[in-house]
Amino acid sequence: MKELTKAEEQVMQILWELKEANVREVVSNFPDPKPAYTTVATVMNALEKKGFVDKIPAGKSHLFAVKISKEDYSGFKAGALVKNYFNGSFSRMASFFAKDNKLSIQELEEMIKIAKAQIEKEK
């Protein structure tokens, strides 16, 4: 799985909510000031090339349907966080988040579970 740019992630956040949409629908879901239609179209085409969405013909337009779930991408990002910032150590990550962010034990266990699952997928 490839990492998303900030712009791609913003578009995907909207698409994960809508499940599928055309460019105009995505633009309308952005807060003001809204990005240009052509900018969003370019980002959505890049998402198709990266395999995050399917582009489906719909009359004179296209629908973009989510292909990679938010949960799968979140797991990928969590795994990358553990590998890149905590040398693959779940205990270092848990210690950091517990100390600096005052997370509960349940929240820490959930983070570790997600990160472990993603690392196992990548093996």
PDB file of N, CA and C in Angstrom:
ATOM      1  N   MET A   1       0.849  -1.172   0.000  1.00  0.00           N
ATOM      2  CA  MET A   1       0.000   0.000   0.000  1.00  0.00           C
ATOM      3  C   MET A   1       0.895   1.236   0.000  1.00  0.00           C
ATOM      4  N   LYS A   2       0.472   2.237  -0.753  1.00  0.00           N
ATOM      5  CA  LYS A   2       1.231   3.484  -0.820  1.00  0.00           C
ATOM      6  C   LYS A   2       0.663   4.487   0.173  1.00  0.00           C
ATOM      7  N   GLU A   3       1.537   5.386   0.621  1.00  0.00           N
ATOM      8  CA  GLU A   3       1.109   6.439   1.536  1.00  0.00           C
ATOM      9  C   GLU A   3       0.427   7.556   0.739  1.00  0.00           C
ATOM     10  N   LEU A   4      -0.586   8.164   1.341  1.00  0.00           N
ATOM     11  CA  LEU A   4      -1.317   9.251   0.699  1.00  0.00           C
ATOM     12  C   LEU A   4      -0.673  10.594   1.016  1.00  0.00           C
ATOM     13  N   THR A   5      -0.757  11.516   0.049  1.00  0.00           N
ATOM     14  CA  THR A   5      -0.364  12.895   0.312  1.00  0.00           C
ATOM     15  C   THR A   5      -1.454  13.527   1.179  1.00  0.00           C
ATOM     16  N   LYS A   6      -1.185  14.712   1.684  1.00  0.00           N
ATOM     17  CA  LYS A   6      -2.181  15.408   2.506  1.00  0.00           C
ATOM     18  C   LYS A   6      -3.464  15.666   1.707  1.00  0.00           C
ATOM     19  N   ALA A   7      -3.321  16.100   0.467  1.00  0.00           N
ATOM     20  CA  ALA A   7      -4.493  16.378  -0.378  1.00  0.00           C
ATOM     21  C   ALA A   7      -5.278  15.092  -0.654  1.00  0.00           C
ATOM     22  N   GLU A   8      -4.559  14.011  -0.936  1.00  0.00           N
ATOM     23  CA  GLU A   8      -5.231  12.726  -1.195  1.00  0.00           C
ATOM     24  C   GLU A   8      -5.969  12.252   0.052  1.00  0.00           C
ATOM     25  N   GLU A   9      -5.352  12.444   1.199  1.00  0.00           N
ATOM     26  CA  GLU A   9      -5.989  12.023   2.445  1.00  0.00           C
ATOM     27  C   GLU A   9      -7.260  12.835   2.718  1.00  0.00           C
ATOM     28  N   GLN A  10      -7.230  14.126   2.407  1.00  0.00           N
ATOM     29  CA  GLN A  10      -8.426  14.962   2.593  1.00  0.00           C
ATOM     30  C   GLN A  10      -9.571  14.456   1.712  1.00  0.00           C
ATOM     31  N   VAL A  11      -9.263  14.129   0.469  1.00  0.00           N
ATOM     32  CA  VAL A  11     -10.292  13.619  -0.441  1.00  0.00           C
ATOM     33  C   VAL A  11     -10.786  12.258   0.037  1.00  0.00           C
ATOM     34  N   MET A  12      -9.862  11.398   0.462  1.00  0.00           N
ATOM     35  CA  MET A  12     -10.263  10.069   0.933  1.00  0.00           C
ATOM     36  C   MET A  12     -11.148  10.158   2.170  1.00  0.00           C
ATOM     37  N   GLN A  13     -10.895  11.118   3.059  1.00  0.00           N
ATOM     38  CA  GLN A  13     -11.754  11.268   4.238  1.00  0.00           C
ATOM     39  C   GLN A  13     -13.205  11.488   3.801  1.00  0.00           C
ATOM     40  N   ILE A  14     -13.386  12.286   2.775  1.00  0.00           N
ATOM     41  CA  ILE A  14     -14.734  12.545   2.249  1.00  0.00           C
ATOM     42  C   ILE A  14     -15.282  11.288   1.585  1.00  0.00           C
ATOM     43  N   LEU A  15     -14.478  10.642   0.761  1.00  0.00           N
ATOM     44  CA  LEU A  15     -14.940   9.433   0.073  1.00  0.00           C
ATOM     45  C   LEU A  15     -15.255   8.304   1.049  1.00  0.00           C
ATOM     46  N   TRP A  16     -14.492   8.176   2.124  1.00  0.00           N
ATOM     47  CA  TRP A  16     -14.803   7.136   3.112  1.00  0.00           C
ATOM     48  C   TRP A  16     -16.166   7.375   3.731  1.00  0.00           C
ATOM     49  N   GLU A  17     -16.562   8.617   3.873  1.00  0.00           N
ATOM     50  CA  GLU A  17     -17.893   8.933   4.397  1.00  0.00           C
ATOM     51  C   GLU A  17     -18.984   8.641   3.362  1.00  0.00           C
ATOM     52  N   LEU A  18     -18.723   9.025   2.114  1.00  0.00           N
ATOM     53  CA  LEU A  18     -19.735   8.907   1.063  1.00  0.00           C
ATOM     54  C   LEU A  18     -19.776   7.523   0.417  1.00  0.00           C
ATOM     55  N   LYS A  19     -18.703   6.751   0.518  1.00  0.00           N
ATOM     56  CA  LYS A  19     -18.540   5.430  -0.108  1.00  0.00           C
ATOM     57  C   LYS A  19     -18.263   5.529  -1.609  1.00  0.00           C
ATOM     58  N   GLU A  20     -19.043   6.333  -2.316  1.00  0.00           N
ATOM     59  CA  GLU A  20     -18.769   6.621  -3.718  1.00  0.00           C
ATOM     60  C   GLU A  20     -19.354   7.991  -4.049  1.00  0.00           C
ATOM     61  N   ALA A  21     -18.683   8.677  -4.992  1.00  0.00           N
ATOM     62  CA  ALA A  21     -19.127  10.028  -5.335  1.00  0.00           C
ATOM     63  C   ALA A  21     -18.445  10.472  -6.611  1.00  0.00           C
ATOM     64  N   ASN A  22     -19.040  11.473  -7.257  1.00  0.00           N
ATOM     65  CA  ASN A  22     -18.350  12.103  -8.383  1.00  0.00           C
ATOM     66  C   ASN A  22     -17.555  13.290  -7.854  1.00  0.00           C
ATOM     67  N   VAL A  23     -16.795  13.921  -8.725  1.00  0.00           N
ATOM     68  CA  VAL A  23     -15.923  15.018  -8.307  1.00  0.00           C
ATOM     69  C   VAL A  23     -16.740  16.155  -7.695  1.00  0.00           C
ATOM     70  N   ARG A  24     -17.837  16.506  -8.314  1.00  0.00           N
ATOM     71  CA  ARG A  24     -18.661  17.619  -7.828  1.00  0.00           C
ATOM     72  C   ARG A  24     -19.157  17.361  -6.396  1.00  0.00           C
ATOM     73  N   GLU A  25     -19.563  16.124  -6.108  1.00  0.00           N
ATOM     74  CA  GLU A  25     -20.034  15.788  -4.761  1.00  0.00           C
ATOM     75  C   GLU A  25     -18.902  15.905  -3.732  1.00  0.00           C
ATOM     76  N   VAL A  26     -17.706  15.492  -4.126  1.00  0.00           N
ATOM     77  CA  VAL A  26     -16.562  15.607  -3.209  1.00  0.00           C
ATOM     78  C   VAL A  26     -16.259  17.074  -2.942  1.00  0.00           C
ATOM     79  N   VAL A  27     -16.220  17.883  -4.000  1.00  0.00           N
ATOM     80  CA  VAL A  27     -15.956  19.320  -3.837  1.00  0.00           C
ATOM     81  C   VAL A  27     -16.986  19.940  -2.892  1.00  0.00           C
ATOM     82  N   SER A  28     -18.243  19.588  -3.051  1.00  0.00           N
ATOM     83  CA  SER A  28     -19.296  20.189  -2.219  1.00  0.00           C
ATOM     84  C   SER A  28     -19.180  19.795  -0.751  1.00  0.00           C
ATOM     85  N   ASN A  29     -18.469  18.713  -0.441  1.00  0.00           N
ATOM     86  CA  ASN A  29     -18.291  18.288   0.945  1.00  0.00           C
ATOM     87  C   ASN A  29     -17.090  18.917   1.630  1.00  0.00           C
ATOM     88  N   PHE A  30     -16.297  19.685   0.898  1.00  0.00           N
ATOM     89  CA  PHE A  30     -15.185  20.413   1.506  1.00  0.00           C
ATOM     90  C   PHE A  30     -15.733  21.645   2.213  1.00  0.00           C
ATOM     91  N   PRO A  31     -15.080  22.070   3.292  1.00  0.00           N
ATOM     92  CA  PRO A  31     -15.481  23.338   3.924  1.00  0.00           C
ATOM     93  C   PRO A  31     -15.065  24.520   3.043  1.00  0.00           C
ATOM     94  N   ASP A  32     -15.671  25.657   3.275  1.00  0.00           N
ATOM     95  CA  ASP A  32     -15.289  26.872   2.543  1.00  0.00           C
ATOM     96  C   ASP A  32     -13.941  27.362   3.035  1.00  0.00           C
ATOM     97  N   PRO A  33     -13.105  27.901   2.212  1.00  0.00           N
ATOM     98  CA  PRO A  33     -13.239  28.000   0.759  1.00  0.00           C
ATOM     99  C   PRO A  33     -12.961  26.653   0.099  1.00  0.00           C
ATOM    100  N   LYS A  34     -13.830  26.271  -0.806  1.00  0.00           N
ATOM    101  CA  LYS A  34     -13.744  24.979  -1.473  1.00  0.00           C
ATOM    102  C   LYS A  34     -12.614  24.974  -2.507  1.00  0.00           C
ATOM    103  N   PRO A  35     -11.950  23.819  -2.659  1.00  0.00           N
ATOM    104  CA  PRO A  35     -10.904  23.736  -3.681  1.00  0.00           C
ATOM    105  C   PRO A  35     -11.520  23.745  -5.077  1.00  0.00           C
ATOM    106  N   ALA A  36     -10.694  24.003  -6.077  1.00  0.00           N
ATOM    107  CA  ALA A  36     -11.162  24.025  -7.466  1.00  0.00           C
ATOM    108  C   ALA A  36     -11.553  22.611  -7.909  1.00  0.00           C
ATOM    109  N   TYR A  37     -12.564  22.543  -8.737  1.00  0.00           N
ATOM    110  CA  TYR A  37     -13.037  21.268  -9.293  1.00  0.00           C
ATOM    111  C   TYR A  37     -11.881  20.507  -9.939  1.00  0.00           C
ATOM    112  N   THR A  38     -11.076  21.215 -10.743  1.00  0.00           N
ATOM    113  CA  THR A  38      -9.983  20.551 -11.467  1.00  0.00           C
ATOM    114  C   THR A  38      -8.924  19.988 -10.518  1.00  0.00           C
ATOM    115  N   THR A  39      -8.700  20.668  -9.414  1.00  0.00           N
ATOM    116  CA  THR A  39      -7.741  20.184  -8.419  1.00  0.00           C
ATOM    117  C   THR A  39      -8.230  18.877  -7.803  1.00  0.00           C
ATOM    118  N   VAL A  40      -9.490  18.849  -7.409  1.00  0.00           N
ATOM    119  CA  VAL A  40     -10.067  17.639  -6.814  1.00  0.00           C
ATOM    120  C   VAL A  40     -10.092  16.505  -7.838  1.00  0.00           C
ATOM    121  N   ALA A  41     -10.420  16.820  -9.092  1.00  0.00           N
ATOM    122  CA  ALA A  41     -10.425  15.795 -10.145  1.00  0.00           C
ATOM    123  C   ALA A  41      -9.039  15.186 -10.317  1.00  0.00           C
ATOM    124  N   THR A  42      -8.012  16.013 -10.300  1.00  0.00           N
ATOM    125  CA  THR A  42      -6.633  15.538 -10.425  1.00  0.00           C
ATOM    126  C   THR A  42      -6.278  14.611  -9.270  1.00  0.00           C
ATOM    127  N   VAL A  43      -6.645  15.006  -8.061  1.00  0.00           N
ATOM    128  CA  VAL A  43      -6.357  14.185  -6.873  1.00  0.00           C
ATOM    129  C   VAL A  43      -7.104  12.854  -6.957  1.00  0.00           C
ATOM    130  N   MET A  44      -8.355  12.888  -7.383  1.00  0.00           N
ATOM    131  CA  MET A  44      -9.144  11.656  -7.470  1.00  0.00           C
ATOM    132  C   MET A  44      -8.580  10.705  -8.524  1.00  0.00           C
ATOM    133  N   ASN A  45      -8.080  11.243  -9.625  1.00  0.00           N
ATOM    134  CA  ASN A  45      -7.435  10.404 -10.629  1.00  0.00           C
ATOM    135  C   ASN A  45      -6.143   9.788 -10.091  1.00  0.00           C
ATOM    136  N   ALA A  46      -5.410  10.551  -9.281  1.00  0.00           N
ATOM    137  CA  ALA A  46      -4.201  10.019  -8.646  1.00  0.00           C
ATOM    138  C   ALA A  46      -4.557   8.893  -7.677  1.00  0.00           C
ATOM    139  N   LEU A  47      -5.670   9.045  -6.965  1.00  0.00           N
ATOM    140  CA  LEU A  47      -6.124   7.996  -6.048  1.00  0.00           C
ATOM    141  C   LEU A  47      -6.483   6.714  -6.800  1.00  0.00           C
ATOM    142  N   GLU A  48      -7.035   6.881  -7.993  1.00  0.00           N
ATOM    143  CA  GLU A  48      -7.335   5.698  -8.809  1.00  0.00           C
ATOM    144  C   GLU A  48      -6.039   4.994  -9.210  1.00  0.00           C
ATOM    145  N   LYS A  49      -5.059   5.767  -9.638  1.00  0.00           N
ATOM    146  CA  LYS A  49      -3.772   5.183 -10.041  1.00  0.00           C
ATOM    147  C   LYS A  49      -3.084   4.466  -8.892  1.00  0.00           C
ATOM    148  N   LYS A  50      -3.263   4.978  -7.669  1.00  0.00           N
ATOM    149  CA  LYS A  50      -2.662   4.352  -6.490  1.00  0.00           C
ATOM    150  C   LYS A  50      -3.471   3.141  -6.002  1.00  0.00           C
ATOM    151  N   GLY A  51      -4.658   2.942  -6.582  1.00  0.00           N
ATOM    152  CA  GLY A  51      -5.473   1.790  -6.207  1.00  0.00           C
ATOM    153  C   GLY A  51      -6.394   2.006  -5.020  1.00  0.00           C
ATOM    154  N   PHE A  52      -6.613   3.262  -4.630  1.00  0.00           N
ATOM    155  CA  PHE A  52      -7.482   3.543  -3.494  1.00  0.00           C
ATOM    156  C   PHE A  52      -8.953   3.626  -3.879  1.00  0.00           C
ATOM    157  N   VAL A  53      -9.230   3.939  -5.144  1.00  0.00           N
ATOM    158  CA  VAL A  53     -10.613   4.052  -5.619  1.00  0.00           C
ATOM    159  C   VAL A  53     -10.734   3.399  -6.989  1.00  0.00           C
ATOM    160  N   ASP A  54     -11.957   3.013  -7.304  1.00  0.00           N
ATOM    161  CA  ASP A  54     -12.294   2.561  -8.654  1.00  0.00           C
ATOM    162  C   ASP A  54     -13.029   3.690  -9.348  1.00  0.00           C
ATOM    163  N   LYS A  55     -12.738   3.891 -10.631  1.00  0.00           N
ATOM    164  CA  LYS A  55     -13.401   4.920 -11.431  1.00  0.00           C
ATOM    165  C   LYS A  55     -14.456   4.223 -12.282  1.00  0.00           C
ATOM    166  N   ILE A  56     -15.716   4.583 -12.061  1.00  0.00           N
ATOM    167  CA  ILE A  56     -16.839   3.912 -12.713  1.00  0.00           C
ATOM    168  C   ILE A  56     -17.550   4.905 -13.634  1.00  0.00           C
ATOM    169  N   PRO A  57     -17.657   4.584 -14.935  1.00  0.00           N
ATOM    170  CA  PRO A  57     -18.396   5.476 -15.840  1.00  0.00           C
ATOM    171  C   PRO A  57     -19.846   5.627 -15.378  1.00  0.00           C
ATOM    172  N   ALA A  58     -20.335   6.863 -15.397  1.00  0.00           N
ATOM    173  CA  ALA A  58     -21.717   7.151 -15.005  1.00  0.00           C
ATOM    174  C   ALA A  58     -22.229   8.276 -15.896  1.00  0.00           C
ATOM    175  N   GLY A  59     -22.776   7.908 -17.059  1.00  0.00           N
ATOM    176  CA  GLY A  59     -23.236   8.915 -18.011  1.00  0.00           C
ATOM    177  C   GLY A  59     -22.053   9.670 -18.582  1.00  0.00           C
ATOM    178  N   LYS A  60     -22.113  10.996 -18.521  1.00  0.00           N
ATOM    179  CA  LYS A  60     -21.016  11.828 -19.022  1.00  0.00           C
ATOM    180  C   LYS A  60     -19.932  12.046 -17.962  1.00  0.00           C
ATOM    181  N   SER A  61     -20.146  11.508 -16.791  1.00  0.00           N
ATOM    182  CA  SER A  61     -19.234  11.713 -15.671  1.00  0.00           C
ATOM    183  C   SER A  61     -18.680  10.371 -15.202  1.00  0.00           C
ATOM    184  N   HIS A  62     -18.058  10.377 -14.052  1.00  0.00           N
ATOM    185  CA  HIS A  62     -17.548   9.159 -13.432  1.00  0.00           C
ATOM    186  C   HIS A  62     -17.848   9.192 -11.941  1.00  0.00           C
ATOM    187  N   LEU A  63     -18.097   8.027 -11.395  1.00  0.00           N
ATOM    188  CA  LEU A  63     -18.170   7.874  -9.949  1.00  0.00           C
ATOM    189  C   LEU A  63     -16.858   7.280  -9.483  1.00  0.00           C
ATOM    190  N   PHE A  64     -16.422   7.671  -8.317  1.00  0.00           N
ATOM    191  CA  PHE A  64     -15.230   7.102  -7.718  1.00  0.00           C
ATOM    192  C   PHE A  64     -15.690   6.342  -6.481  1.00  0.00           C
ATOM    193  N   ALA A  65     -15.430   5.031  -6.469  1.00  0.00           N
ATOM    194  CA  ALA A  65     -15.853   4.175  -5.364  1.00  0.00           C
ATOM    195  C   ALA A  65     -14.639   3.759  -4.545  1.00  0.00           C
ATOM    196  N   VAL A  66     -14.789   3.807  -3.245  1.00  0.00           N
ATOM    197  CA  VAL A  66     -13.710   3.445  -2.324  1.00  0.00           C
ATOM    198  C   VAL A  66     -13.328   1.985  -2.525  1.00  0.00           C
ATOM    199  N   LYS A  67     -12.037   1.757  -2.630  1.00  0.00           N
ATOM    200  CA  LYS A  67     -11.503   0.405  -2.809  1.00  0.00           C
ATOM    201  C   LYS A  67     -10.736  -0.052  -1.563  1.00  0.00           C
ATOM    202  N   ILE A  68     -10.063   0.870  -0.896  1.00  0.00           N
ATOM    203  CA  ILE A  68      -9.317   0.577   0.326  1.00  0.00           C
ATOM    204  C   ILE A  68     -10.028   1.264   1.481  1.00  0.00           C
ATOM    205  N   SER A  69     -10.412   0.482   2.473  1.00  0.00           N
ATOM    206  CA  SER A  69     -11.182   1.024   3.593  1.00  0.00           C
ATOM    207  C   SER A  69     -10.336   1.935   4.482  1.00  0.00           C
ATOM    208  N   LYS A  70     -11.029   2.762   5.218  1.00  0.00           N
ATOM    209  CA  LYS A  70     -10.366   3.650   6.169  1.00  0.00           C
ATOM    210  C   LYS A  70      -9.629   2.829   7.227  1.00  0.00           C
ATOM    211  N   GLU A  71     -10.228   1.716   7.638  1.00  0.00           N
ATOM    212  CA  GLU A  71      -9.614   0.851   8.640  1.00  0.00           C
ATOM    213  C   GLU A  71      -8.306   0.255   8.130  1.00  0.00           C
ATOM    214  N   ASP A  72      -8.296  -0.197   6.870  1.00  0.00           N
ATOM    215  CA  ASP A  72      -7.074  -0.772   6.305  1.00  0.00           C
ATOM    216  C   ASP A  72      -5.975   0.283   6.210  1.00  0.00           C
ATOM    217  N   TYR A  73      -6.336   1.490   5.769  1.00  0.00           N
ATOM    218  CA  TYR A  73      -5.329   2.540   5.659  1.00  0.00           C
ATOM    219  C   TYR A  73      -4.842   2.986   7.038  1.00  0.00           C
ATOM    220  N   SER A  74      -5.753   3.067   7.999  1.00  0.00           N
ATOM    221  CA  SER A  74      -5.358   3.426   9.363  1.00  0.00           C
ATOM    222  C   SER A  74      -4.372   2.406   9.924  1.00  0.00           C
ATOM    223  N   GLY A  75      -4.628   1.130   9.667  1.00  0.00           N
ATOM    224  CA  GLY A  75      -3.714   0.085  10.114  1.00  0.00           C
ATOM    225  C   GLY A  75      -2.353   0.208   9.466  1.00  0.00           C
ATOM    226  N   PHE A  76      -2.344   0.521   8.186  1.00  0.00           N
ATOM    227  CA  PHE A  76      -1.095   0.727   7.455  1.00  0.00           C
ATOM    228  C   PHE A  76      -0.302   1.881   8.078  1.00  0.00           C
ATOM    229  N   LYS A  77      -0.987   2.994   8.346  1.00  0.00           N
ATOM    230  CA  LYS A  77      -0.324   4.157   8.926  1.00  0.00           C
ATOM    231  C   LYS A  77       0.183   3.861  10.343  1.00  0.00           C
ATOM    232  N   ALA A  78      -0.601   3.126  11.128  1.00  0.00           N
ATOM    233  CA  ALA A  78      -0.174   2.775  12.485  1.00  0.00           C
ATOM    234  C   ALA A  78       1.065   1.891  12.444  1.00  0.00           C
ATOM    235  N   GLY A  79       1.072   0.931  11.534  1.00  0.00           N
ATOM    236  CA  GLY A  79       2.245   0.067  11.392  1.00  0.00           C
ATOM    237  C   GLY A  79       3.477   0.852  10.984  1.00  0.00           C
ATOM    238  N   ALA A  80       3.300   1.788  10.077  1.00  0.00           N
ATOM    239  CA  ALA A  80       4.418   2.628   9.630  1.00  0.00           C
ATOM    240  C   ALA A  80       4.922   3.501  10.775  1.00  0.00           C
ATOM    241  N   LEU A  81       4.012   3.999  11.592  1.00  0.00           N
ATOM    242  CA  LEU A  81       4.391   4.813  12.741  1.00  0.00           C
ATOM    243  C   LEU A  81       5.286   4.018  13.694  1.00  0.00           C
ATOM    244  N   VAL A  82       4.888   2.797  13.988  1.00  0.00           N
ATOM    245  CA  VAL A  82       5.676   1.951  14.894  1.00  0.00           C
ATOM    246  C   VAL A  82       7.048   1.669  14.291  1.00  0.00           C
ATOM    247  N   LYS A  83       7.079   1.322  13.014  1.00  0.00           N
ATOM    248  CA  LYS A  83       8.352   1.001  12.366  1.00  0.00           C
ATOM    249  C   LYS A  83       9.263   2.213  12.259  1.00  0.00           C
ATOM    250  N   ASN A  84       8.725   3.344  11.822  1.00  0.00           N
ATOM    251  CA  ASN A  84       9.547   4.513  11.520  1.00  0.00           C
ATOM    252  C   ASN A  84       9.954   5.354  12.729  1.00  0.00           C
ATOM    253  N   TYR A  85       9.132   5.368  13.773  1.00  0.00           N
ATOM    254  CA  TYR A  85       9.419   6.252  14.901  1.00  0.00           C
ATOM    255  C   TYR A  85       9.743   5.517  16.203  1.00  0.00           C
ATOM    256  N   PHE A  86       9.416   4.225  16.256  1.00  0.00           N
ATOM    257  CA  PHE A  86       9.643   3.476  17.489  1.00  0.00           C
ATOM    258  C   PHE A  86      10.446   2.199  17.240  1.00  0.00           C
ATOM    259  N   ASN A  87      11.172   2.177  16.122  1.00  0.00           N
ATOM    260  CA  ASN A  87      12.024   1.033  15.766  1.00  0.00           C
ATOM    261  C   ASN A  87      11.288  -0.299  15.845  1.00  0.00           C
ATOM    262  N   GLY A  88      10.023  -0.304  15.486  1.00  0.00           N
ATOM    263  CA  GLY A  88       9.243  -1.533  15.484  1.00  0.00           C
ATOM    264  C   GLY A  88       8.837  -2.006  16.864  1.00  0.00           C
ATOM    265  N   SER A  89       9.063  -1.206  17.884  1.00  0.00           N
ATOM    266  CA  SER A  89       8.789  -1.602  19.266  1.00  0.00           C
ATOM    267  C   SER A  89       7.419  -1.103  19.716  1.00  0.00           C
ATOM    268  N   PHE A  90       6.512  -2.050  19.959  1.00  0.00           N
ATOM    269  CA  PHE A  90       5.189  -1.687  20.452  1.00  0.00           C
ATOM    270  C   PHE A  90       5.272  -1.102  21.859  1.00  0.00           C
ATOM    271  N   SER A  91       6.186  -1.638  22.667  1.00  0.00           N
ATOM    272  CA  SER A  91       6.285  -1.147  24.043  1.00  0.00           C
ATOM    273  C   SER A  91       6.766   0.303  24.074  1.00  0.00           C
ATOM    274  N   ARG A  92       7.701   0.668  23.172  1.00  0.00           N
ATOM    275  CA  ARG A  92       8.139   2.070  23.102  1.00  0.00           C
ATOM    276  C   ARG A  92       6.985   2.977  22.690  1.00  0.00           C
ATOM    277  N   MET A  93       6.217   2.522  21.706  1.00  0.00           N
ATOM    278  CA  MET A  93       5.077   3.307  21.253  1.00  0.00           C
ATOM    279  C   MET A  93       4.061   3.467  22.382  1.00  0.00           C
ATOM    280  N   ALA A  94       3.746   2.371  23.047  1.00  0.00           N
ATOM    281  CA  ALA A  94       2.760   2.413  24.130  1.00  0.00           C
ATOM    282  C   ALA A  94       3.232   3.336  25.249  1.00  0.00           C
ATOM    283  N   SER A  95       4.499   3.243  25.583  1.00  0.00           N
ATOM    284  CA  SER A  95       5.060   4.088  26.631  1.00  0.00           C
ATOM    285  C   SER A  95       4.970   5.563  26.248  1.00  0.00           C
ATOM    286  N   PHE A  96       5.319   5.876  25.011  1.00  0.00           N
ATOM    287  CA  PHE A  96       5.258   7.256  24.542  1.00  0.00           C
ATOM    288  C   PHE A  96       3.837   7.802  24.632  1.00  0.00           C
ATOM    289  N   PHE A  97       2.873   7.059  24.089  1.00  0.00           N
ATOM    290  CA  PHE A  97       1.495   7.555  24.068  1.00  0.00           C
ATOM    291  C   PHE A  97       0.885   7.593  25.462  1.00  0.00           C
ATOM    292  N   ALA A  98       1.253   6.647  26.296  1.00  0.00           N
ATOM    293  CA  ALA A  98       0.702   6.645  27.656  1.00  0.00           C
ATOM    294  C   ALA A  98       1.209   7.850  28.435  1.00  0.00           C
ATOM    295  N   LYS A  99       2.497   8.144  28.280  1.00  0.00           N
ATOM    296  CA  LYS A  99       3.110   9.229  29.033  1.00  0.00           C
ATOM    297  C   LYS A  99       2.696  10.595  28.499  1.00  0.00           C
ATOM    298  N   ASP A 100       2.817  10.794  27.182  1.00  0.00           N
ATOM    299  CA  ASP A 100       2.603  12.123  26.605  1.00  0.00           C
ATOM    300  C   ASP A 100       1.149  12.438  26.254  1.00  0.00           C
ATOM    301  N   ASN A 101       0.358  11.423  26.049  1.00  0.00           N
ATOM    302  CA  ASN A 101      -1.018  11.674  25.615  1.00  0.00           C
ATOM    303  C   ASN A 101      -2.065  11.176  26.607  1.00  0.00           C
ATOM    304  N   LYS A 102      -1.610  10.573  27.694  1.00  0.00           N
ATOM    305  CA  LYS A 102      -2.508  10.121  28.750  1.00  0.00           C
ATOM    306  C   LYS A 102      -3.653   9.263  28.215  1.00  0.00           C
ATOM    307  N   LEU A 103      -3.294   8.248  27.427  1.00  0.00           N
ATOM    308  CA  LEU A 103      -4.289   7.326  26.889  1.00  0.00           C
ATOM    309  C   LEU A 103      -4.619   6.244  27.906  1.00  0.00           C
ATOM    310  N   SER A 104      -5.819   5.719  27.799  1.00  0.00           N
ATOM    311  CA  SER A 104      -6.225   4.631  28.685  1.00  0.00           C
ATOM    312  C   SER A 104      -5.582   3.324  28.236  1.00  0.00           C
ATOM    313  N   ILE A 105      -5.611   2.337  29.092  1.00  0.00           N
ATOM    314  CA  ILE A 105      -5.070   1.017  28.759  1.00  0.00           C
ATOM    315  C   ILE A 105      -5.821   0.436  27.563  1.00  0.00           C
ATOM    316  N   GLN A 106      -7.124   0.601  27.520  1.00  0.00           N
ATOM    317  CA  GLN A 106      -7.920   0.079  26.406  1.00  0.00           C
ATOM    318  C   GLN A 106      -7.513   0.736  25.089  1.00  0.00           C
ATOM    319  N   GLU A 107      -7.275   2.040  25.114  1.00  0.00           N
ATOM    320  CA  GLU A 107      -6.852   2.744  23.898  1.00  0.00           C
ATOM    321  C   GLU A 107      -5.476   2.268  23.447  1.00  0.00           C
ATOM    322  N   LEU A 108      -4.574   2.068  24.391  1.00  0.00           N
ATOM    323  CA  LEU A 108      -3.248   1.569  24.048  1.00  0.00           C
ATOM    324  C   LEU A 108      -3.317   0.158  23.475  1.00  0.00           C
ATOM    325  N   GLU A 109      -4.126  -0.697  24.078  1.00  0.00           N
ATOM    326  CA  GLU A 109      -4.262  -2.066  23.573  1.00  0.00           C
ATOM    327  C   GLU A 109      -4.816  -2.070  22.150  1.00  0.00           C
ATOM    328  N   GLU A 110      -5.772  -1.202  21.870  1.00  0.00           N
ATOM    329  CA  GLU A 110      -6.344  -1.117  20.527  1.00  0.00           C
ATOM    330  C   GLU A 110      -5.301  -0.644  19.521  1.00  0.00           C
ATOM    331  N   MET A 111      -4.496   0.347  19.889  1.00  0.00           N
ATOM    332  CA  MET A 111      -3.426   0.828  19.006  1.00  0.00           C
ATOM    333  C   MET A 111      -2.444  -0.292  18.691  1.00  0.00           C
ATOM    334  N   ILE A 112      -2.049  -1.029  19.698  1.00  0.00           N
ATOM    335  CA  ILE A 112      -1.092  -2.119  19.509  1.00  0.00           C
ATOM    336  C   ILE A 112      -1.689  -3.206  18.630  1.00  0.00           C
ATOM    337  N   LYS A 113      -2.932  -3.528  18.844  1.00  0.00           N
ATOM    338  CA  LYS A 113      -3.617  -4.552  18.041  1.00  0.00           C
ATOM    339  C   LYS A 113      -3.629  -4.157  16.557  1.00  0.00           C
ATOM    340  N   ILE A 114      -3.970  -2.918  16.279  1.00  0.00           N
ATOM    341  CA  ILE A 114      -4.020  -2.434  14.896  1.00  0.00           C
ATOM    342  C   ILE A 114      -2.633  -2.461  14.272  1.00  0.00           C
ATOM    343  N   ALA A 115      -1.641  -1.978  14.984  1.00  0.00           N
ATOM    344  CA  ALA A 115      -0.279  -1.938  14.454  1.00  0.00           C
ATOM    345  C   ALA A 115       0.255  -3.343  14.198  1.00  0.00           C
ATOM    346  N   LYS A 116       0.031  -4.262  15.121  1.00  0.00           N
ATOM    347  CA  LYS A 116       0.488  -5.647  14.940  1.00  0.00           C
ATOM    348  C   LYS A 116      -0.161  -6.281  13.712  1.00  0.00           C
ATOM    349  N   ALA A 117      -1.448  -6.063  13.552  1.00  0.00           N
ATOM    350  CA  ALA A 117      -2.165  -6.630  12.404  1.00  0.00           C
ATOM    351  C   ALA A 117      -1.599  -6.111  11.094  1.00  0.00           C
ATOM    352  N   GLN A 118      -1.282  -4.833  11.038  1.00  0.00           N
ATOM    353  CA  GLN A 118      -0.747  -4.266   9.810  1.00  0.00           C
ATOM    354  C   GLN A 118       0.645  -4.798   9.520  1.00  0.00           C
ATOM    355  N   ILE A 119       1.467  -4.916  10.531  1.00  0.00           N
ATOM    356  CA  ILE A 119       2.825  -5.448  10.323  1.00  0.00           C
ATOM    357  C   ILE A 119       2.766  -6.891   9.836  1.00  0.00           C
ATOM    358  N   GLU A 120       1.837  -7.664  10.378  1.00  0.00           N
ATOM    359  CA  GLU A 120       1.669  -9.056   9.934  1.00  0.00           C
ATOM    360  C   GLU A 120       1.227  -9.097   8.473  1.00  0.00           C
ATOM    361  N   LYS A 121       0.367  -8.184   8.056  1.00  0.00           N
ATOM    362  CA  LYS A 121      -0.072  -8.116   6.652  1.00  0.00           C
ATOM    363  C   LYS A 121       1.083  -7.861   5.714  1.00  0.00           C
ATOM    364  N   GLU A 122       2.041  -7.037   6.166  1.00  0.00           N
ATOM    365  CA  GLU A 122       3.159  -6.648   5.307  1.00  0.00           C
ATOM    366  C   GLU A 122       4.220  -7.726   5.179  1.00  0.00           C
ATOM    367  N   LYS A 123       4.207  -8.718   6.055  1.00  0.00           N
ATOM    368  CA  LYS A 123       5.227  -9.785   6.007  1.00  0.00           C
ATOM    369  C   LYS A 123       4.996 -10.735   4.868  1.00  0.00           C
TER     370      LYS A 123
END
